[in-house]
């Protein structure tokens, strides 16, 4: 039995046509399946709790975008016995890039049906001062990149571009605009218990389990989702006129050579901000925070790849 969790709103409804084709493939292979369709935010989280609360081994496949995958991750009650699959049908698809998953969903489905091997995946955890905890597969961040995610998720432009199959451009458009108007903040960053950066001039701190973010920008090009560590990219102390060049360079992972861009690798980090800054986990943003603790999980998730 394969359990499918589908976000019908991914790519403005295009996913429904994809699901019809997938059902025909399942029937042709005589495979039993069960389908859950999300109707509102956090539905994938609630479904994840239901499917992972028992002790039975299960194959679960997500059809949607990075947001749907993140909702599922945050609803998982256990990782043991769960095999997770993913067919990328969102606008950003940074998880798929990091995992080198083809956009050919028929090809990816065939691999799953034929008994593909599993890869052991890390995931990150963000702890907030009020006791909340959020998991992420791709990345988390404080400052500029989180602000871009917040604005991208609250603009009508995203829906329009999704209908044109140009959804990832929303991050580029908002990203360039916000860089021109960029404001820095004071803060301190601790990496594995050691303070590595402190003072004014922070633009963003990005914590990565995978290389890509924001629809294909390589903020941490060497990040490896199976190495048991987080990769960090920090922009601090850059001259104002240089800031707008970060995004074009990050599209190719070349920003790491710029003065004022720092890279770290660790198991845990603590970021403090003198003023409240937006924080995101896999592109999902709620509110501003002054302090976050980020760490890599000591558990793994079996991913069908």
C-alpha atoms as a PDB file:
ATOM      1  CA  UNK A   1       0.000   0.000   0.000  1.00  0.00           C
ATOM      2  CA  UNK A   2       1.250   3.455  -0.925  1.00  0.00           C
ATOM      3  CA  UNK A   3      -0.179   6.535   0.778  1.00  0.00           C
ATOM      4  CA  UNK A   4      -0.307   9.738  -1.262  1.00  0.00           C
ATOM      5  CA  UNK A   5      -0.664  13.226   0.209  1.00  0.00           C
ATOM      6  CA  UNK A   6      -1.654  15.734  -2.444  1.00  0.00           C
ATOM      7  CA  UNK A   7      -1.815  19.507  -2.385  1.00  0.00           C
ATOM      8  CA  UNK A   8      -4.393  20.276  -5.128  1.00  0.00           C
ATOM      9  CA  UNK A   9      -3.451  23.973  -5.044  1.00  0.00           C
ATOM     10  CA  UNK A  10       0.176  23.434  -6.043  1.00  0.00           C
ATOM     11  CA  UNK A  11       0.921  25.137  -9.366  1.00  0.00           C
ATOM     12  CA  UNK A  12      -2.590  26.602  -9.356  1.00  0.00           C
ATOM     13  CA  UNK A  13      -4.432  23.302  -9.867  1.00  0.00           C
ATOM     14  CA  UNK A  14      -2.109  21.754 -12.460  1.00  0.00           C
ATOM     15  CA  UNK A  15      -1.510  18.932 -10.013  1.00  0.00           C
ATOM     16  CA  UNK A  16      -5.010  17.492 -10.511  1.00  0.00           C
ATOM     17  CA  UNK A  17      -4.178  16.543 -14.099  1.00  0.00           C
ATOM     18  CA  UNK A  18      -0.936  14.980 -12.884  1.00  0.00           C
ATOM     19  CA  UNK A  19      -2.793  12.930 -10.272  1.00  0.00           C
ATOM     20  CA  UNK A  20      -5.124  11.539 -12.938  1.00  0.00           C
ATOM     21  CA  UNK A  21      -2.100  10.252 -14.873  1.00  0.00           C
ATOM     22  CA  UNK A  22      -0.508   8.827 -11.736  1.00  0.00           C
ATOM     23  CA  UNK A  23      -3.687   6.888 -10.935  1.00  0.00           C
ATOM     24  CA  UNK A  24      -3.567   5.319 -14.390  1.00  0.00           C
ATOM     25  CA  UNK A  25       0.041   4.287 -13.763  1.00  0.00           C
ATOM     26  CA  UNK A  26      -0.882   2.769 -10.407  1.00  0.00           C
ATOM     27  CA  UNK A  27      -3.724   0.827 -11.980  1.00  0.00           C
ATOM     28  CA  UNK A  28      -1.429  -0.445 -14.733  1.00  0.00           C
ATOM     29  CA  UNK A  29       0.951  -1.779 -12.077  1.00  0.00           C
ATOM     30  CA  UNK A  30      -1.921  -3.182  -9.965  1.00  0.00           C
ATOM     31  CA  UNK A  31      -0.724  -1.217  -6.941  1.00  0.00           C
ATOM     32  CA  UNK A  32      -2.999  -0.490  -3.998  1.00  0.00           C
ATOM     33  CA  UNK A  33      -3.004   3.092  -2.792  1.00  0.00           C
ATOM     34  CA  UNK A  34      -4.768   5.535  -0.528  1.00  0.00           C
ATOM     35  CA  UNK A  35      -5.048   9.244  -1.261  1.00  0.00           C
ATOM     36  CA  UNK A  36      -5.338  12.233   1.095  1.00  0.00           C
ATOM     37  CA  UNK A  37      -5.927  15.685  -0.398  1.00  0.00           C
ATOM     38  CA  UNK A  38      -5.161  18.807   1.593  1.00  0.00           C
ATOM     39  CA  UNK A  39      -7.820  21.501   1.748  1.00  0.00           C
ATOM     40  CA  UNK A  40      -6.281  24.137   4.005  1.00  0.00           C
ATOM     41  CA  UNK A  41      -2.937  25.070   5.601  1.00  0.00           C
ATOM     42  CA  UNK A  42      -1.521  22.493   8.041  1.00  0.00           C
ATOM     43  CA  UNK A  43      -3.646  19.655   6.623  1.00  0.00           C
ATOM     44  CA  UNK A  44      -0.466  17.825   5.597  1.00  0.00           C
ATOM     45  CA  UNK A  45       0.751  18.129   9.201  1.00  0.00           C
ATOM     46  CA  UNK A  46      -2.449  16.579  10.535  1.00  0.00           C
ATOM     47  CA  UNK A  47      -2.333  13.783   7.956  1.00  0.00           C
ATOM     48  CA  UNK A  48       1.317  13.105   8.821  1.00  0.00           C
ATOM     49  CA  UNK A  49       0.401  12.624  12.483  1.00  0.00           C
ATOM     50  CA  UNK A  50      -2.290  10.143  11.497  1.00  0.00           C
ATOM     51  CA  UNK A  51      -0.071   8.110   9.176  1.00  0.00           C
ATOM     52  CA  UNK A  52       3.011   8.021  11.414  1.00  0.00           C
ATOM     53  CA  UNK A  53       1.441   7.598  14.847  1.00  0.00           C
ATOM     54  CA  UNK A  54       1.355   3.786  14.762  1.00  0.00           C
ATOM     55  CA  UNK A  55       4.133   1.237  14.479  1.00  0.00           C
ATOM     56  CA  UNK A  56       3.373  -0.020  10.982  1.00  0.00           C
ATOM     57  CA  UNK A  57       5.896   0.478   8.215  1.00  0.00           C
ATOM     58  CA  UNK A  58       4.519   2.746   5.493  1.00  0.00           C
ATOM     59  CA  UNK A  59       5.413   4.198   2.113  1.00  0.00           C
ATOM     60  CA  UNK A  60       4.212   7.789   1.839  1.00  0.00           C
ATOM     61  CA  UNK A  61       4.553   9.982  -1.252  1.00  0.00           C
ATOM     62  CA  UNK A  62       4.049  13.769  -1.252  1.00  0.00           C
ATOM     63  CA  UNK A  63       2.720  15.561  -4.343  1.00  0.00           C
ATOM     64  CA  UNK A  64       3.172  19.283  -3.992  1.00  0.00           C
ATOM     65  CA  UNK A  65       5.825  21.866  -3.239  1.00  0.00           C
ATOM     66  CA  UNK A  66       8.440  22.472  -0.572  1.00  0.00           C
ATOM     67  CA  UNK A  67       5.751  23.892   1.727  1.00  0.00           C
ATOM     68  CA  UNK A  68       3.651  20.699   1.630  1.00  0.00           C
ATOM     69  CA  UNK A  69       6.752  18.594   2.266  1.00  0.00           C
ATOM     70  CA  UNK A  70       7.678  20.798   5.229  1.00  0.00           C
ATOM     71  CA  UNK A  71       4.178  20.499   6.700  1.00  0.00           C
ATOM     72  CA  UNK A  72       4.456  16.724   6.521  1.00  0.00           C
ATOM     73  CA  UNK A  73       7.899  16.746   8.155  1.00  0.00           C
ATOM     74  CA  UNK A  74       6.567  18.812  11.056  1.00  0.00           C
ATOM     75  CA  UNK A  75       3.704  16.396  11.600  1.00  0.00           C
ATOM     76  CA  UNK A  76       5.759  13.199  11.718  1.00  0.00           C
ATOM     77  CA  UNK A  77       5.390  11.374  15.046  1.00  0.00           C
ATOM     78  CA  UNK A  78       8.171   8.939  14.214  1.00  0.00           C
ATOM     79  CA  UNK A  79      10.689   8.258  11.462  1.00  0.00           C
ATOM     80  CA  UNK A  80      11.247   4.540  12.076  1.00  0.00           C
ATOM     81  CA  UNK A  81       9.571   2.354   9.451  1.00  0.00           C
ATOM     82  CA  UNK A  82       8.583   5.304   7.251  1.00  0.00           C
ATOM     83  CA  UNK A  83       9.739   5.491   3.632  1.00  0.00           C
ATOM     84  CA  UNK A  84       9.131   8.926   2.173  1.00  0.00           C
ATOM     85  CA  UNK A  85       8.820   9.789  -1.512  1.00  0.00           C
ATOM     86  CA  UNK A  86       8.306  13.117  -3.243  1.00  0.00           C
ATOM     87  CA  UNK A  87       7.042  14.232  -6.653  1.00  0.00           C
ATOM     88  CA  UNK A  88       7.936  17.951  -7.002  1.00  0.00           C
ATOM     89  CA  UNK A  89       5.018  19.993  -8.285  1.00  0.00           C
ATOM     90  CA  UNK A  90       5.539  23.318  -6.529  1.00  0.00           C
ATOM     91  CA  UNK A  91       6.937  26.660  -7.637  1.00  0.00           C
ATOM     92  CA  UNK A  92      10.318  26.642  -5.855  1.00  0.00           C
ATOM     93  CA  UNK A  93      11.245  22.929  -5.723  1.00  0.00           C
ATOM     94  CA  UNK A  94      14.509  23.513  -3.849  1.00  0.00           C
ATOM     95  CA  UNK A  95      14.245  20.117  -2.150  1.00  0.00           C
ATOM     96  CA  UNK A  96      14.035  18.425  -5.552  1.00  0.00           C
ATOM     97  CA  UNK A  97      17.108  20.315  -6.766  1.00  0.00           C
ATOM     98  CA  UNK A  98      19.059  19.340  -3.690  1.00  0.00           C
ATOM     99  CA  UNK A  99      18.063  15.690  -4.085  1.00  0.00           C
ATOM    100  CA  UNK A 100      18.437  15.737  -7.881  1.00  0.00           C
ATOM    101  CA  UNK A 101      14.848  14.573  -8.351  1.00  0.00           C
ATOM    102  CA  UNK A 102      13.669  14.730 -11.941  1.00  0.00           C
ATOM    103  CA  UNK A 103      10.653  16.841 -12.941  1.00  0.00           C
ATOM    104  CA  UNK A 104       9.539  13.818 -14.922  1.00  0.00           C
ATOM    105  CA  UNK A 105       7.069  12.557 -12.316  1.00  0.00           C
ATOM    106  CA  UNK A 106       6.310   9.408 -14.319  1.00  0.00           C
ATOM    107  CA  UNK A 107       9.969   8.459 -14.230  1.00  0.00           C
ATOM    108  CA  UNK A 108      10.192   9.111 -10.483  1.00  0.00           C
ATOM    109  CA  UNK A 109       6.976   7.194  -9.794  1.00  0.00           C
ATOM    110  CA  UNK A 110       8.253   4.232 -11.791  1.00  0.00           C
ATOM    111  CA  UNK A 111      11.394   4.103  -9.635  1.00  0.00           C
ATOM    112  CA  UNK A 112       9.244   3.992  -6.500  1.00  0.00           C
ATOM    113  CA  UNK A 113       6.967   1.284  -7.872  1.00  0.00           C
ATOM    114  CA  UNK A 114       9.909  -0.862  -8.927  1.00  0.00           C
ATOM    115  CA  UNK A 115      11.385  -0.826  -5.437  1.00  0.00           C
ATOM    116  CA  UNK A 116      13.939   1.954  -5.343  1.00  0.00           C
ATOM    117  CA  UNK A 117      16.731   2.181  -2.802  1.00  0.00           C
ATOM    118  CA  UNK A 118      16.421   4.539   0.159  1.00  0.00           C
ATOM    119  CA  UNK A 119      18.726   7.348   1.180  1.00  0.00           C
ATOM    120  CA  UNK A 120      19.145   8.347   4.840  1.00  0.00           C
ATOM    121  CA  UNK A 121      18.320  12.063   5.141  1.00  0.00           C
ATOM    122  CA  UNK A 122      19.111  14.620   7.831  1.00  0.00           C
ATOM    123  CA  UNK A 123      16.710  17.364   8.795  1.00  0.00           C
ATOM    124  CA  UNK A 124      17.170  20.575  10.751  1.00  0.00           C
ATOM    125  CA  UNK A 125      15.382  21.798  13.861  1.00  0.00           C
ATOM    126  CA  UNK A 126      14.733  25.388  14.962  1.00  0.00           C
ATOM    127  CA  UNK A 127      14.027  25.970  18.663  1.00  0.00           C
ATOM    128  CA  UNK A 128      12.304  29.223  19.633  1.00  0.00           C
ATOM    129  CA  UNK A 129      12.481  30.951  23.048  1.00  0.00           C
ATOM    130  CA  UNK A 130       8.776  30.325  23.714  1.00  0.00           C
ATOM    131  CA  UNK A 131       9.223  26.554  23.409  1.00  0.00           C
ATOM    132  CA  UNK A 132       8.013  26.178  19.817  1.00  0.00           C
ATOM    133  CA  UNK A 133       9.985  23.880  17.549  1.00  0.00           C
ATOM    134  CA  UNK A 134      10.030  23.688  13.749  1.00  0.00           C
ATOM    135  CA  UNK A 135      11.750  21.193  11.473  1.00  0.00           C
ATOM    136  CA  UNK A 136      13.124  21.844   8.011  1.00  0.00           C
ATOM    137  CA  UNK A 137      14.477  19.758   5.146  1.00  0.00           C
ATOM    138  CA  UNK A 138      16.056  22.473   3.005  1.00  0.00           C
ATOM    139  CA  UNK A 139      16.957  25.585   4.986  1.00  0.00           C
ATOM    140  CA  UNK A 140      16.120  28.088   7.669  1.00  0.00           C
ATOM    141  CA  UNK A 141      17.189  31.684   7.992  1.00  0.00           C
ATOM    142  CA  UNK A 142      16.991  34.978   9.855  1.00  0.00           C
ATOM    143  CA  UNK A 143      17.013  38.422   8.241  1.00  0.00           C
ATOM    144  CA  UNK A 144      16.880  39.277   4.561  1.00  0.00           C
ATOM    145  CA  UNK A 145      16.117  35.825   3.099  1.00  0.00           C
ATOM    146  CA  UNK A 146      13.305  35.253   5.620  1.00  0.00           C
ATOM    147  CA  UNK A 147      11.838  38.679   4.789  1.00  0.00           C
ATOM    148  CA  UNK A 148      11.811  37.744   1.086  1.00  0.00           C
ATOM    149  CA  UNK A 149      10.000  34.484   1.915  1.00  0.00           C
ATOM    150  CA  UNK A 150       7.421  36.377   3.970  1.00  0.00           C
ATOM    151  CA  UNK A 151       6.694  38.871   1.201  1.00  0.00           C
ATOM    152  CA  UNK A 152       6.668  36.180  -1.511  1.00  0.00           C
ATOM    153  CA  UNK A 153       4.064  34.190   0.431  1.00  0.00           C
ATOM    154  CA  UNK A 154       1.843  37.243   0.852  1.00  0.00           C
ATOM    155  CA  UNK A 155       1.860  38.675  -2.661  1.00  0.00           C
ATOM    156  CA  UNK A 156      -0.711  38.143  -5.416  1.00  0.00           C
ATOM    157  CA  UNK A 157       2.198  38.088  -7.861  1.00  0.00           C
ATOM    158  CA  UNK A 158       3.074  34.531  -6.806  1.00  0.00           C
ATOM    159  CA  UNK A 159      -0.313  33.135  -7.838  1.00  0.00           C
ATOM    160  CA  UNK A 160      -0.178  34.937 -11.184  1.00  0.00           C
ATOM    161  CA  UNK A 161       3.347  33.705 -11.952  1.00  0.00           C
ATOM    162  CA  UNK A 162       2.402  30.173 -10.851  1.00  0.00           C
ATOM    163  CA  UNK A 163      -0.376  30.190 -13.455  1.00  0.00           C
ATOM    164  CA  UNK A 164       2.245  31.124 -16.052  1.00  0.00           C
ATOM    165  CA  UNK A 165       4.552  28.372 -14.679  1.00  0.00           C
ATOM    166  CA  UNK A 166       7.035  31.077 -13.673  1.00  0.00           C
ATOM    167  CA  UNK A 167       6.485  30.856  -9.915  1.00  0.00           C
ATOM    168  CA  UNK A 168      10.139  30.890  -8.894  1.00  0.00           C
ATOM    169  CA  UNK A 169      10.577  34.363 -10.448  1.00  0.00           C
ATOM    170  CA  UNK A 170       8.661  35.863  -7.534  1.00  0.00           C
ATOM    171  CA  UNK A 171      11.660  35.220  -5.259  1.00  0.00           C
ATOM    172  CA  UNK A 172      14.021  36.856  -7.753  1.00  0.00           C
ATOM    173  CA  UNK A 173      11.813  39.938  -8.245  1.00  0.00           C
ATOM    174  CA  UNK A 174      11.183  40.498  -4.533  1.00  0.00           C
ATOM    175  CA  UNK A 175      14.750  39.521  -3.677  1.00  0.00           C
ATOM    176  CA  UNK A 176      16.340  42.138  -5.942  1.00  0.00           C
ATOM    177  CA  UNK A 177      13.899  44.813  -4.788  1.00  0.00           C
ATOM    178  CA  UNK A 178      14.580  44.093  -1.109  1.00  0.00           C
ATOM    179  CA  UNK A 179      18.340  44.066  -1.645  1.00  0.00           C
ATOM    180  CA  UNK A 180      18.201  47.599  -3.019  1.00  0.00           C
ATOM    181  CA  UNK A 181      16.306  48.669   0.120  1.00  0.00           C
ATOM    182  CA  UNK A 182      18.208  46.310   2.434  1.00  0.00           C
ATOM    183  CA  UNK A 183      18.521  47.106   6.124  1.00  0.00           C
ATOM    184  CA  UNK A 184      21.124  45.423   8.323  1.00  0.00           C
ATOM    185  CA  UNK A 185      20.858  44.555  12.008  1.00  0.00           C
ATOM    186  CA  UNK A 186      23.006  43.973  15.082  1.00  0.00           C
ATOM    187  CA  UNK A 187      23.452  40.480  16.441  1.00  0.00           C
ATOM    188  CA  UNK A 188      25.728  37.626  17.414  1.00  0.00           C
ATOM    189  CA  UNK A 189      26.252  34.145  16.003  1.00  0.00           C
ATOM    190  CA  UNK A 190      27.500  31.142  17.961  1.00  0.00           C
ATOM    191  CA  UNK A 191      28.616  27.996  16.128  1.00  0.00           C
ATOM    192  CA  UNK A 192      29.012  24.786  18.140  1.00  0.00           C
ATOM    193  CA  UNK A 193      29.314  26.836  21.341  1.00  0.00           C
ATOM    194  CA  UNK A 194      31.825  29.380  20.010  1.00  0.00           C
ATOM    195  CA  UNK A 195      30.972  32.983  19.154  1.00  0.00           C
ATOM    196  CA  UNK A 196      32.176  33.568  15.581  1.00  0.00           C
ATOM    197  CA  UNK A 197      30.502  36.846  14.567  1.00  0.00           C
ATOM    198  CA  UNK A 198      29.160  39.757  16.596  1.00  0.00           C
ATOM    199  CA  UNK A 199      28.160  43.390  16.127  1.00  0.00           C
ATOM    200  CA  UNK A 200      26.348  45.402  13.482  1.00  0.00           C
ATOM    201  CA  UNK A 201      26.000  44.849   9.741  1.00  0.00           C
ATOM    202  CA  UNK A 202      24.192  41.490   9.611  1.00  0.00           C
ATOM    203  CA  UNK A 203      22.108  41.187   6.425  1.00  0.00           C
ATOM    204  CA  UNK A 204      21.104  37.538   6.852  1.00  0.00           C
ATOM    205  CA  UNK A 205      22.123  34.247   8.403  1.00  0.00           C
ATOM    206  CA  UNK A 206      21.042  31.193   6.409  1.00  0.00           C
ATOM    207  CA  UNK A 207      21.205  27.637   7.799  1.00  0.00           C
ATOM    208  CA  UNK A 208      21.259  24.868   5.186  1.00  0.00           C
ATOM    209  CA  UNK A 209      20.704  21.149   5.040  1.00  0.00           C
ATOM    210  CA  UNK A 210      20.632  21.356   1.228  1.00  0.00           C
ATOM    211  CA  UNK A 211      22.372  23.732  -1.209  1.00  0.00           C
ATOM    212  CA  UNK A 212      19.432  25.638  -2.700  1.00  0.00           C
ATOM    213  CA  UNK A 213      16.932  28.200  -1.469  1.00  0.00           C
ATOM    214  CA  UNK A 214      14.408  30.646  -2.920  1.00  0.00           C
ATOM    215  CA  UNK A 215      13.834  28.819  -6.198  1.00  0.00           C
ATOM    216  CA  UNK A 216      17.385  27.762  -7.052  1.00  0.00           C
ATOM    217  CA  UNK A 217      19.851  30.108  -5.351  1.00  0.00           C
ATOM    218  CA  UNK A 218      22.918  28.264  -4.021  1.00  0.00           C
ATOM    219  CA  UNK A 219      23.572  30.007  -0.720  1.00  0.00           C
ATOM    220  CA  UNK A 220      25.477  26.945   0.541  1.00  0.00           C
ATOM    221  CA  UNK A 221      26.649  25.090  -2.586  1.00  0.00           C
ATOM    222  CA  UNK A 222      28.493  22.396  -0.584  1.00  0.00           C
ATOM    223  CA  UNK A 223      25.635  21.510   1.793  1.00  0.00           C
ATOM    224  CA  UNK A 224      25.055  17.749   2.054  1.00  0.00           C
ATOM    225  CA  UNK A 225      21.766  16.433   3.471  1.00  0.00           C
ATOM    226  CA  UNK A 226      23.374  13.206   4.663  1.00  0.00           C
ATOM    227  CA  UNK A 227      26.552  14.414   6.399  1.00  0.00           C
ATOM    228  CA  UNK A 228      25.039  15.100   9.829  1.00  0.00           C
ATOM    229  CA  UNK A 229      25.925  18.803   9.733  1.00  0.00           C
ATOM    230  CA  UNK A 230      24.445  22.178   8.858  1.00  0.00           C
ATOM    231  CA  UNK A 231      26.088  24.591   6.422  1.00  0.00           C
ATOM    232  CA  UNK A 232      25.781  28.296   7.207  1.00  0.00           C
ATOM    233  CA  UNK A 233      25.957  31.328   4.946  1.00  0.00           C
ATOM    234  CA  UNK A 234      26.222  34.740   6.602  1.00  0.00           C
ATOM    235  CA  UNK A 235      26.285  38.166   4.982  1.00  0.00           C
ATOM    236  CA  UNK A 236      27.733  40.777   7.359  1.00  0.00           C
ATOM    237  CA  UNK A 237      29.585  44.041   6.946  1.00  0.00           C
ATOM    238  CA  UNK A 238      29.113  44.365   3.199  1.00  0.00           C
ATOM    239  CA  UNK A 239      29.332  47.759   1.587  1.00  0.00           C
ATOM    240  CA  UNK A 240      25.903  49.074   0.605  1.00  0.00           C
ATOM    241  CA  UNK A 241      26.655  49.223  -3.115  1.00  0.00           C
ATOM    242  CA  UNK A 242      27.771  45.562  -3.160  1.00  0.00           C
ATOM    243  CA  UNK A 243      24.609  44.151  -1.573  1.00  0.00           C
ATOM    244  CA  UNK A 244      22.466  44.074  -4.784  1.00  0.00           C
ATOM    245  CA  UNK A 245      25.046  41.783  -6.435  1.00  0.00           C
ATOM    246  CA  UNK A 246      24.589  38.970  -3.908  1.00  0.00           C
ATOM    247  CA  UNK A 247      21.468  37.443  -5.503  1.00  0.00           C
ATOM    248  CA  UNK A 248      22.809  37.189  -9.099  1.00  0.00           C
ATOM    249  CA  UNK A 249      26.042  35.656  -7.790  1.00  0.00           C
ATOM    250  CA  UNK A 250      24.173  33.282  -5.463  1.00  0.00           C
ATOM    251  CA  UNK A 251      22.327  31.874  -8.462  1.00  0.00           C
ATOM    252  CA  UNK A 252      25.659  30.245  -9.384  1.00  0.00           C
ATOM    253  CA  UNK A 253      27.073  29.818  -5.872  1.00  0.00           C
ATOM    254  CA  UNK A 254      29.736  32.462  -6.583  1.00  0.00           C
ATOM    255  CA  UNK A 255      28.734  34.850  -3.785  1.00  0.00           C
ATOM    256  CA  UNK A 256      30.883  32.868  -1.326  1.00  0.00           C
ATOM    257  CA  UNK A 257      33.968  34.614  -2.722  1.00  0.00           C
ATOM    258  CA  UNK A 258      32.648  38.088  -1.836  1.00  0.00           C
ATOM    259  CA  UNK A 259      34.102  40.014   1.079  1.00  0.00           C
ATOM    260  CA  UNK A 260      31.540  40.053   3.865  1.00  0.00           C
ATOM    261  CA  UNK A 261      30.144  36.595   3.069  1.00  0.00           C
ATOM    262  CA  UNK A 262      31.040  33.878   5.601  1.00  0.00           C
ATOM    263  CA  UNK A 263      30.592  30.102   5.472  1.00  0.00           C
ATOM    264  CA  UNK A 264      30.505  27.760   8.482  1.00  0.00           C
ATOM    265  CA  UNK A 265      29.723  24.090   9.110  1.00  0.00           C
ATOM    266  CA  UNK A 266      28.386  22.829  12.428  1.00  0.00           C
ATOM    267  CA  UNK A 267      25.899  20.670  14.314  1.00  0.00           C
ATOM    268  CA  UNK A 268      24.319  23.533  16.246  1.00  0.00           C
ATOM    269  CA  UNK A 269      24.159  27.324  16.052  1.00  0.00           C
ATOM    270  CA  UNK A 270      22.536  30.110  18.049  1.00  0.00           C
ATOM    271  CA  UNK A 271      21.643  33.415  16.398  1.00  0.00           C
ATOM    272  CA  UNK A 272      20.678  36.480  18.435  1.00  0.00           C
ATOM    273  CA  UNK A 273      19.347  39.718  17.004  1.00  0.00           C
ATOM    274  CA  UNK A 274      19.215  43.093  18.730  1.00  0.00           C
ATOM    275  CA  UNK A 275      15.908  43.733  16.966  1.00  0.00           C
ATOM    276  CA  UNK A 276      13.211  41.325  15.877  1.00  0.00           C
ATOM    277  CA  UNK A 277      13.889  39.717  12.482  1.00  0.00           C
ATOM    278  CA  UNK A 278      11.788  37.442  10.302  1.00  0.00           C
ATOM    279  CA  UNK A 279      12.695  33.753  10.549  1.00  0.00           C
ATOM    280  CA  UNK A 280      11.776  31.101   7.966  1.00  0.00           C
ATOM    281  CA  UNK A 281      11.838  27.298   7.842  1.00  0.00           C
ATOM    282  CA  UNK A 282      11.718  25.927   4.278  1.00  0.00           C
ATOM    283  CA  UNK A 283      10.274  29.250   3.146  1.00  0.00           C
ATOM    284  CA  UNK A 284       7.468  29.340   5.727  1.00  0.00           C
ATOM    285  CA  UNK A 285       7.503  32.487   7.869  1.00  0.00           C
ATOM    286  CA  UNK A 286       5.321  33.468  10.811  1.00  0.00           C
ATOM    287  CA  UNK A 287       6.701  36.313  12.856  1.00  0.00           C
ATOM    288  CA  UNK A 288       9.832  38.166  13.931  1.00  0.00           C
ATOM    289  CA  UNK A 289      12.174  36.707  16.543  1.00  0.00           C
ATOM    290  CA  UNK A 290      15.188  37.892  18.533  1.00  0.00           C
ATOM    291  CA  UNK A 291      16.804  34.508  19.194  1.00  0.00           C
ATOM    292  CA  UNK A 292      16.802  31.082  17.558  1.00  0.00           C
ATOM    293  CA  UNK A 293      18.701  27.861  18.134  1.00  0.00           C
ATOM    294  CA  UNK A 294      19.284  25.689  15.053  1.00  0.00           C
ATOM    295  CA  UNK A 295      20.562  22.127  15.138  1.00  0.00           C
ATOM    296  CA  UNK A 296      20.767  19.001  13.029  1.00  0.00           C
ATOM    297  CA  UNK A 297      18.615  16.072  14.084  1.00  0.00           C
ATOM    298  CA  UNK A 298      20.258  12.930  15.400  1.00  0.00           C
ATOM    299  CA  UNK A 299      17.572  10.916  13.590  1.00  0.00           C
ATOM    300  CA  UNK A 300      17.354  10.160   9.889  1.00  0.00           C
ATOM    301  CA  UNK A 301      14.451   9.866   7.457  1.00  0.00           C
ATOM    302  CA  UNK A 302      14.471   7.127   4.836  1.00  0.00           C
ATOM    303  CA  UNK A 303      13.855   8.766   1.484  1.00  0.00           C
ATOM    304  CA  UNK A 304      12.968   6.793  -1.654  1.00  0.00           C
ATOM    305  CA  UNK A 305      15.388   8.036  -4.261  1.00  0.00           C
END
